[in-house]
Amino acid sequence: MRRHFLSSLLFLNCAAICAGVAAQAAPQAAPQAAAAPASACPALLNQQFKRLQDDAPQNLCQYAGKVALVVNTASYCGYTSQYEGLEALYARYRERGLVVLGFPSNDFGGQEPGGSKQIAELCFNTYGVKFPMFAKSVVTGKNANPLHAQLASASGQAPEWNFHKYLVGRDGKLVASFPSRVTPLDGKLVAAVEKALAR
């Protein structure tokens, strides 16, 4: 009986030692890979503007990776009806990554004299605009807001009137510039938008 007990004890000790050795020899689990960093915001979009309807600050980095059509707008201009075309363009392509960014300005002909409340009333209630609109700012000359200053520099063409359009690619670089007379649904502009969205 004593011999049997000693044999059993020896067996258990050996099993415990072997298990410990195996545990030490087992490869350690690889550390979990760090999450990939978020895409860097392009320099052109890394700036902040107040939202038209409530002056809430908005960083344009939220539109990184999208195709952006930047437009300087006005409420009392012969081109004001282009709001309808801009909204139609936005509705057609927003699911594919297009965003229209509207920047009211009083730079040309004093055709945007009102404050944010009046401008918002026209945009949202009269024309049913759903794309982002920002507070009134200067878009040309030495006091131009930083976005328009950079776009003018990149294109060599500052806005000459209301509803000038800059098309910016997903990488935050200028793709094309269109003068006011080119409507939002003009074939050339639509083709440029579709090409930019396909990249």
C-alpha atoms as a PDB file:
ATOM      1  CA  MET A   1       0.000   0.000   0.000  1.00  0.00           C
ATOM      2  CA  ARG A   2       2.790   2.432   0.950  1.00  0.00           C
ATOM      3  CA  ARG A   3       4.614   1.606  -2.283  1.00  0.00           C
ATOM      4  CA  HIS A   4       1.433   2.329  -4.292  1.00  0.00           C
ATOM      5  CA  PHE A   5       0.934   5.647  -2.483  1.00  0.00           C
ATOM      6  CA  LEU A   6       4.532   6.761  -3.200  1.00  0.00           C
ATOM      7  CA  SER A   7       4.203   5.802  -6.860  1.00  0.00           C
ATOM      8  CA  SER A   8       1.013   7.847  -7.199  1.00  0.00           C
ATOM      9  CA  LEU A   9       2.618  10.835  -5.506  1.00  0.00           C
ATOM     10  CA  LEU A  10       5.644  10.622  -7.776  1.00  0.00           C
ATOM     11  CA  PHE A  11       3.411  10.466 -10.822  1.00  0.00           C
ATOM     12  CA  LEU A  12       1.453  13.553  -9.748  1.00  0.00           C
ATOM     13  CA  ASN A  13       4.620  15.542  -9.065  1.00  0.00           C
ATOM     14  CA  CYS A  14       6.001  14.621 -12.490  1.00  0.00           C
ATOM     15  CA  ALA A  15       2.756  15.645 -14.177  1.00  0.00           C
ATOM     16  CA  ALA A  16       2.797  19.014 -12.402  1.00  0.00           C
ATOM     17  CA  ILE A  17       6.427  19.671 -13.374  1.00  0.00           C
ATOM     18  CA  CYS A  18       5.780  18.708 -17.005  1.00  0.00           C
ATOM     19  CA  ALA A  19       2.748  20.982 -17.156  1.00  0.00           C
ATOM     20  CA  GLY A  20       4.794  23.897 -15.800  1.00  0.00           C
ATOM     21  CA  VAL A  21       7.537  23.344 -18.346  1.00  0.00           C
ATOM     22  CA  ALA A  22       4.986  23.183 -21.162  1.00  0.00           C
ATOM     23  CA  ALA A  23       3.373  26.419 -20.026  1.00  0.00           C
ATOM     24  CA  GLN A  24       6.732  28.169 -20.018  1.00  0.00           C
ATOM     25  CA  ALA A  25       7.585  26.826 -23.453  1.00  0.00           C
ATOM     26  CA  ALA A  26       4.235  27.825 -24.998  1.00  0.00           C
ATOM     27  CA  PRO A  27       4.561  30.887 -27.232  1.00  0.00           C
ATOM     28  CA  GLN A  28       3.128  34.063 -25.737  1.00  0.00           C
ATOM     29  CA  ALA A  29       0.126  35.561 -27.498  1.00  0.00           C
ATOM     30  CA  ALA A  30       1.150  38.333 -29.870  1.00  0.00           C
ATOM     31  CA  PRO A  31       0.219  41.800 -28.604  1.00  0.00           C
ATOM     32  CA  GLN A  32      -2.876  43.206 -30.271  1.00  0.00           C
ATOM     33  CA  ALA A  33      -2.050  45.409 -33.219  1.00  0.00           C
ATOM     34  CA  ALA A  34      -2.609  49.093 -32.646  1.00  0.00           C
ATOM     35  CA  ALA A  35      -5.560  50.584 -34.486  1.00  0.00           C
ATOM     36  CA  ALA A  36      -4.624  52.277 -37.729  1.00  0.00           C
ATOM     37  CA  PRO A  37      -4.403  56.041 -37.297  1.00  0.00           C
ATOM     38  CA  ALA A  38      -7.219  58.106 -38.774  1.00  0.00           C
ATOM     39  CA  SER A  39      -6.502  59.641 -42.158  1.00  0.00           C
ATOM     40  CA  ALA A  40      -4.791  62.971 -41.817  1.00  0.00           C
ATOM     41  CA  CYS A  41      -6.912  65.988 -42.643  1.00  0.00           C
ATOM     42  CA  PRO A  42      -5.727  67.758 -45.825  1.00  0.00           C
ATOM     43  CA  ALA A  43      -4.254  71.192 -45.143  1.00  0.00           C
ATOM     44  CA  LEU A  44      -6.927  72.871 -47.273  1.00  0.00           C
ATOM     45  CA  LEU A  45      -9.698  71.529 -45.016  1.00  0.00           C
ATOM     46  CA  ASN A  46      -7.913  71.921 -41.706  1.00  0.00           C
ATOM     47  CA  GLN A  47      -9.718  75.107 -40.753  1.00  0.00           C
ATOM     48  CA  GLN A  48     -12.864  76.198 -38.987  1.00  0.00           C
ATOM     49  CA  PHE A  49     -15.908  78.252 -39.975  1.00  0.00           C
ATOM     50  CA  LYS A  50     -19.147  79.158 -38.241  1.00  0.00           C
ATOM     51  CA  ARG A  51     -22.292  77.361 -39.371  1.00  0.00           C
ATOM     52  CA  LEU A  52     -24.843  79.695 -40.936  1.00  0.00           C
ATOM     53  CA  GLN A  53     -27.921  78.766 -38.929  1.00  0.00           C
ATOM     54  CA  ASP A  54     -26.464  78.969 -35.413  1.00  0.00           C
ATOM     55  CA  ASP A  55     -22.827  80.163 -35.597  1.00  0.00           C
ATOM     56  CA  ALA A  56     -21.652  76.803 -34.224  1.00  0.00           C
ATOM     57  CA  PRO A  57     -17.976  76.314 -35.174  1.00  0.00           C
ATOM     58  CA  GLN A  58     -17.448  73.649 -37.802  1.00  0.00           C
ATOM     59  CA  ASN A  59     -14.107  72.098 -38.720  1.00  0.00           C
ATOM     60  CA  LEU A  60     -13.927  71.299 -42.423  1.00  0.00           C
ATOM     61  CA  CYS A  61     -11.892  68.186 -41.590  1.00  0.00           C
ATOM     62  CA  GLN A  62     -15.252  66.448 -41.198  1.00  0.00           C
ATOM     63  CA  TYR A  63     -15.433  66.478 -45.002  1.00  0.00           C
ATOM     64  CA  ALA A  64     -12.018  64.856 -45.528  1.00  0.00           C
ATOM     65  CA  GLY A  65     -12.287  62.022 -48.031  1.00  0.00           C
ATOM     66  CA  LYS A  66     -15.258  63.608 -49.799  1.00  0.00           C
ATOM     67  CA  VAL A  67     -15.431  65.535 -53.047  1.00  0.00           C
ATOM     68  CA  ALA A  68     -16.333  69.139 -52.193  1.00  0.00           C
ATOM     69  CA  LEU A  69     -17.874  71.834 -54.356  1.00  0.00           C
ATOM     70  CA  VAL A  70     -17.109  75.175 -52.712  1.00  0.00           C
ATOM     71  CA  VAL A  71     -19.430  77.995 -53.782  1.00  0.00           C
ATOM     72  CA  ASN A  72     -19.638  81.662 -52.763  1.00  0.00           C
ATOM     73  CA  THR A  73     -23.318  82.573 -52.677  1.00  0.00           C
ATOM     74  CA  ALA A  74     -25.571  85.641 -52.500  1.00  0.00           C
ATOM     75  CA  SER A  75     -29.288  86.159 -51.929  1.00  0.00           C
ATOM     76  CA  TYR A  76     -29.995  88.982 -54.397  1.00  0.00           C
ATOM     77  CA  CYS A  77     -28.039  87.995 -57.480  1.00  0.00           C
ATOM     78  CA  GLY A  78     -29.032  87.017 -60.978  1.00  0.00           C
ATOM     79  CA  TYR A  79     -27.438  83.658 -60.206  1.00  0.00           C
ATOM     80  CA  THR A  80     -29.265  83.097 -56.898  1.00  0.00           C
ATOM     81  CA  SER A  81     -31.541  80.524 -58.542  1.00  0.00           C
ATOM     82  CA  GLN A  82     -28.441  78.325 -58.822  1.00  0.00           C
ATOM     83  CA  TYR A  83     -29.241  77.292 -55.243  1.00  0.00           C
ATOM     84  CA  GLU A  84     -31.791  74.927 -56.827  1.00  0.00           C
ATOM     85  CA  GLY A  85     -29.180  73.347 -59.077  1.00  0.00           C
ATOM     86  CA  LEU A  86     -26.664  73.077 -56.248  1.00  0.00           C
ATOM     87  CA  GLU A  87     -29.201  71.275 -54.072  1.00  0.00           C
ATOM     88  CA  ALA A  88     -30.144  68.979 -56.973  1.00  0.00           C
ATOM     89  CA  LEU A  89     -26.476  68.161 -57.573  1.00  0.00           C
ATOM     90  CA  TYR A  90     -25.951  67.488 -53.875  1.00  0.00           C
ATOM     91  CA  ALA A  91     -29.023  65.252 -53.683  1.00  0.00           C
ATOM     92  CA  ARG A  92     -27.881  63.288 -56.723  1.00  0.00           C
ATOM     93  CA  TYR A  93     -24.325  62.592 -55.599  1.00  0.00           C
ATOM     94  CA  ARG A  94     -24.106  62.922 -51.813  1.00  0.00           C
ATOM     95  CA  GLU A  95     -24.439  59.163 -51.273  1.00  0.00           C
ATOM     96  CA  ARG A  96     -21.375  58.739 -53.474  1.00  0.00           C
ATOM     97  CA  GLY A  97     -19.382  61.254 -51.444  1.00  0.00           C
ATOM     98  CA  LEU A  98     -20.146  64.742 -52.769  1.00  0.00           C
ATOM     99  CA  VAL A  99     -20.659  67.669 -50.412  1.00  0.00           C
ATOM    100  CA  VAL A 100     -21.546  71.213 -51.473  1.00  0.00           C
ATOM    101  CA  LEU A 101     -20.188  73.929 -49.166  1.00  0.00           C
ATOM    102  CA  GLY A 102     -21.882  77.318 -49.397  1.00  0.00           C
ATOM    103  CA  PHE A 103     -20.169  80.549 -48.321  1.00  0.00           C
ATOM    104  CA  PRO A 104     -22.401  83.631 -48.462  1.00  0.00           C
ATOM    105  CA  SER A 105     -20.528  86.804 -49.332  1.00  0.00           C
ATOM    106  CA  ASN A 106     -21.362  90.466 -49.837  1.00  0.00           C
ATOM    107  CA  ASP A 107     -18.268  91.062 -51.963  1.00  0.00           C
ATOM    108  CA  PHE A 108     -20.004  91.583 -55.284  1.00  0.00           C
ATOM    109  CA  GLY A 109     -22.620  94.251 -55.858  1.00  0.00           C
ATOM    110  CA  GLY A 110     -23.680  94.295 -52.215  1.00  0.00           C
ATOM    111  CA  GLN A 111     -25.973  91.382 -53.055  1.00  0.00           C
ATOM    112  CA  GLU A 112     -25.759  89.678 -49.655  1.00  0.00           C
ATOM    113  CA  PRO A 113     -26.532  92.553 -47.239  1.00  0.00           C
ATOM    114  CA  GLY A 114     -28.433  90.613 -44.570  1.00  0.00           C
ATOM    115  CA  GLY A 115     -27.308  88.748 -41.488  1.00  0.00           C
ATOM    116  CA  SER A 116     -27.254  85.018 -40.891  1.00  0.00           C
ATOM    117  CA  LYS A 117     -30.967  84.826 -40.040  1.00  0.00           C
ATOM    118  CA  GLN A 118     -32.058  86.451 -43.312  1.00  0.00           C
ATOM    119  CA  ILE A 119     -29.625  84.403 -45.393  1.00  0.00           C
ATOM    120  CA  ALA A 120     -30.715  81.157 -43.720  1.00  0.00           C
ATOM    121  CA  GLU A 121     -34.375  81.992 -44.339  1.00  0.00           C
ATOM    122  CA  LEU A 122     -33.744  82.278 -48.060  1.00  0.00           C
ATOM    123  CA  CYS A 123     -31.460  79.230 -48.306  1.00  0.00           C
ATOM    124  CA  PHE A 124     -33.359  76.764 -46.197  1.00  0.00           C
ATOM    125  CA  ASN A 125     -36.974  77.896 -46.579  1.00  0.00           C
ATOM    126  CA  THR A 126     -37.093  79.396 -50.078  1.00  0.00           C
ATOM    127  CA  TYR A 127     -34.714  77.032 -51.864  1.00  0.00           C
ATOM    128  CA  GLY A 128     -34.834  73.993 -49.571  1.00  0.00           C
ATOM    129  CA  VAL A 129     -31.057  73.861 -49.226  1.00  0.00           C
ATOM    130  CA  LYS A 130     -29.794  70.877 -47.234  1.00  0.00           C
ATOM    131  CA  PHE A 131     -26.083  71.117 -47.957  1.00  0.00           C
ATOM    132  CA  PRO A 132     -23.820  72.831 -45.397  1.00  0.00           C
ATOM    133  CA  MET A 133     -23.893  76.629 -45.352  1.00  0.00           C
ATOM    134  CA  PHE A 134     -21.517  78.849 -43.421  1.00  0.00           C
ATOM    135  CA  ALA A 135     -21.687  82.357 -42.011  1.00  0.00           C
ATOM    136  CA  LYS A 136     -21.096  85.294 -44.337  1.00  0.00           C
ATOM    137  CA  SER A 137     -17.454  86.009 -45.071  1.00  0.00           C
ATOM    138  CA  VAL A 138     -15.133  87.729 -47.532  1.00  0.00           C
ATOM    139  CA  VAL A 139     -14.083  85.505 -50.437  1.00  0.00           C
ATOM    140  CA  THR A 140     -11.764  87.710 -52.474  1.00  0.00           C
ATOM    141  CA  GLY A 141      -8.920  90.159 -51.960  1.00  0.00           C
ATOM    142  CA  LYS A 142      -6.524  90.500 -49.046  1.00  0.00           C
ATOM    143  CA  ASN A 143      -9.273  89.826 -46.480  1.00  0.00           C
ATOM    144  CA  ALA A 144     -10.554  86.642 -48.119  1.00  0.00           C
ATOM    145  CA  ASN A 145     -11.312  83.790 -45.746  1.00  0.00           C
ATOM    146  CA  PRO A 146      -8.437  81.274 -45.630  1.00  0.00           C
ATOM    147  CA  LEU A 147     -10.248  78.606 -47.661  1.00  0.00           C
ATOM    148  CA  HIS A 148     -10.971  80.922 -50.577  1.00  0.00           C
ATOM    149  CA  ALA A 149      -7.517  82.476 -50.340  1.00  0.00           C
ATOM    150  CA  GLN A 150      -5.929  79.034 -50.734  1.00  0.00           C
ATOM    151  CA  LEU A 151      -8.293  78.020 -53.535  1.00  0.00           C
ATOM    152  CA  ALA A 152      -7.607  81.239 -55.425  1.00  0.00           C
ATOM    153  CA  SER A 153      -3.880  80.680 -55.021  1.00  0.00           C
ATOM    154  CA  ALA A 154      -4.098  77.057 -56.175  1.00  0.00           C
ATOM    155  CA  SER A 155      -6.256  77.842 -59.208  1.00  0.00           C
ATOM    156  CA  GLY A 156      -4.840  81.242 -60.110  1.00  0.00           C
ATOM    157  CA  GLN A 157      -8.447  82.413 -60.265  1.00  0.00           C
ATOM    158  CA  ALA A 158     -10.240  84.279 -57.490  1.00  0.00           C
ATOM    159  CA  PRO A 159     -14.027  84.585 -57.643  1.00  0.00           C
ATOM    160  CA  GLU A 160     -15.068  87.455 -59.920  1.00  0.00           C
ATOM    161  CA  TRP A 161     -18.728  87.281 -58.970  1.00  0.00           C
ATOM    162  CA  ASN A 162     -21.213  85.345 -56.868  1.00  0.00           C
ATOM    163  CA  PHE A 163     -21.558  81.586 -57.381  1.00  0.00           C
ATOM    164  CA  HIS A 164     -18.007  80.890 -58.459  1.00  0.00           C
ATOM    165  CA  LYS A 165     -17.326  77.185 -57.941  1.00  0.00           C
ATOM    166  CA  TYR A 166     -14.207  75.289 -56.872  1.00  0.00           C
ATOM    167  CA  LEU A 167     -14.169  71.496 -57.086  1.00  0.00           C
ATOM    168  CA  VAL A 168     -11.928  69.805 -54.510  1.00  0.00           C
ATOM    169  CA  GLY A 169     -10.998  66.106 -54.727  1.00  0.00           C
ATOM    170  CA  ARG A 170     -11.083  63.459 -52.009  1.00  0.00           C
ATOM    171  CA  ASP A 171      -7.402  64.174 -51.310  1.00  0.00           C
ATOM    172  CA  GLY A 172      -8.145  67.802 -50.460  1.00  0.00           C
ATOM    173  CA  LYS A 173      -6.544  69.162 -53.638  1.00  0.00           C
ATOM    174  CA  LEU A 174      -8.143  71.470 -56.176  1.00  0.00           C
ATOM    175  CA  VAL A 175      -9.558  69.667 -59.210  1.00  0.00           C
ATOM    176  CA  ALA A 176     -11.216  72.464 -61.191  1.00  0.00           C
ATOM    177  CA  SER A 177     -12.562  76.003 -61.018  1.00  0.00           C
ATOM    178  CA  PHE A 178     -15.779  77.142 -62.681  1.00  0.00           C
ATOM    179  CA  PRO A 179     -16.961  80.738 -63.187  1.00  0.00           C
ATOM    180  CA  SER A 180     -20.397  81.917 -62.096  1.00  0.00           C
ATOM    181  CA  ARG A 181     -22.027  81.408 -65.489  1.00  0.00           C
ATOM    182  CA  VAL A 182     -21.380  77.643 -65.338  1.00  0.00           C
ATOM    183  CA  THR A 183     -24.510  76.250 -63.710  1.00  0.00           C
ATOM    184  CA  PRO A 184     -24.390  73.403 -61.176  1.00  0.00           C
ATOM    185  CA  LEU A 185     -25.926  70.944 -63.656  1.00  0.00           C
ATOM    186  CA  ASP A 186     -23.792  72.019 -66.603  1.00  0.00           C
ATOM    187  CA  GLY A 187     -22.386  68.966 -68.359  1.00  0.00           C
ATOM    188  CA  LYS A 188     -18.763  70.036 -67.838  1.00  0.00           C
ATOM    189  CA  LEU A 189     -19.218  70.472 -64.111  1.00  0.00           C
ATOM    190  CA  VAL A 190     -21.195  67.244 -63.700  1.00  0.00           C
ATOM    191  CA  ALA A 191     -18.558  65.312 -65.654  1.00  0.00           C
ATOM    192  CA  ALA A 192     -15.813  66.732 -63.429  1.00  0.00           C
ATOM    193  CA  VAL A 193     -17.781  65.754 -60.305  1.00  0.00           C
ATOM    194  CA  GLU A 194     -18.323  62.202 -61.532  1.00  0.00           C
ATOM    195  CA  LYS A 195     -14.652  61.832 -62.431  1.00  0.00           C
ATOM    196  CA  ALA A 196     -13.575  63.083 -59.008  1.00  0.00           C
ATOM    197  CA  LEU A 197     -16.018  60.751 -57.258  1.00  0.00           C
ATOM    198  CA  ALA A 198     -14.664  57.777 -59.189  1.00  0.00           C
ATOM    199  CA  ARG A 199     -11.141  58.293 -57.827  1.00  0.00           C
END
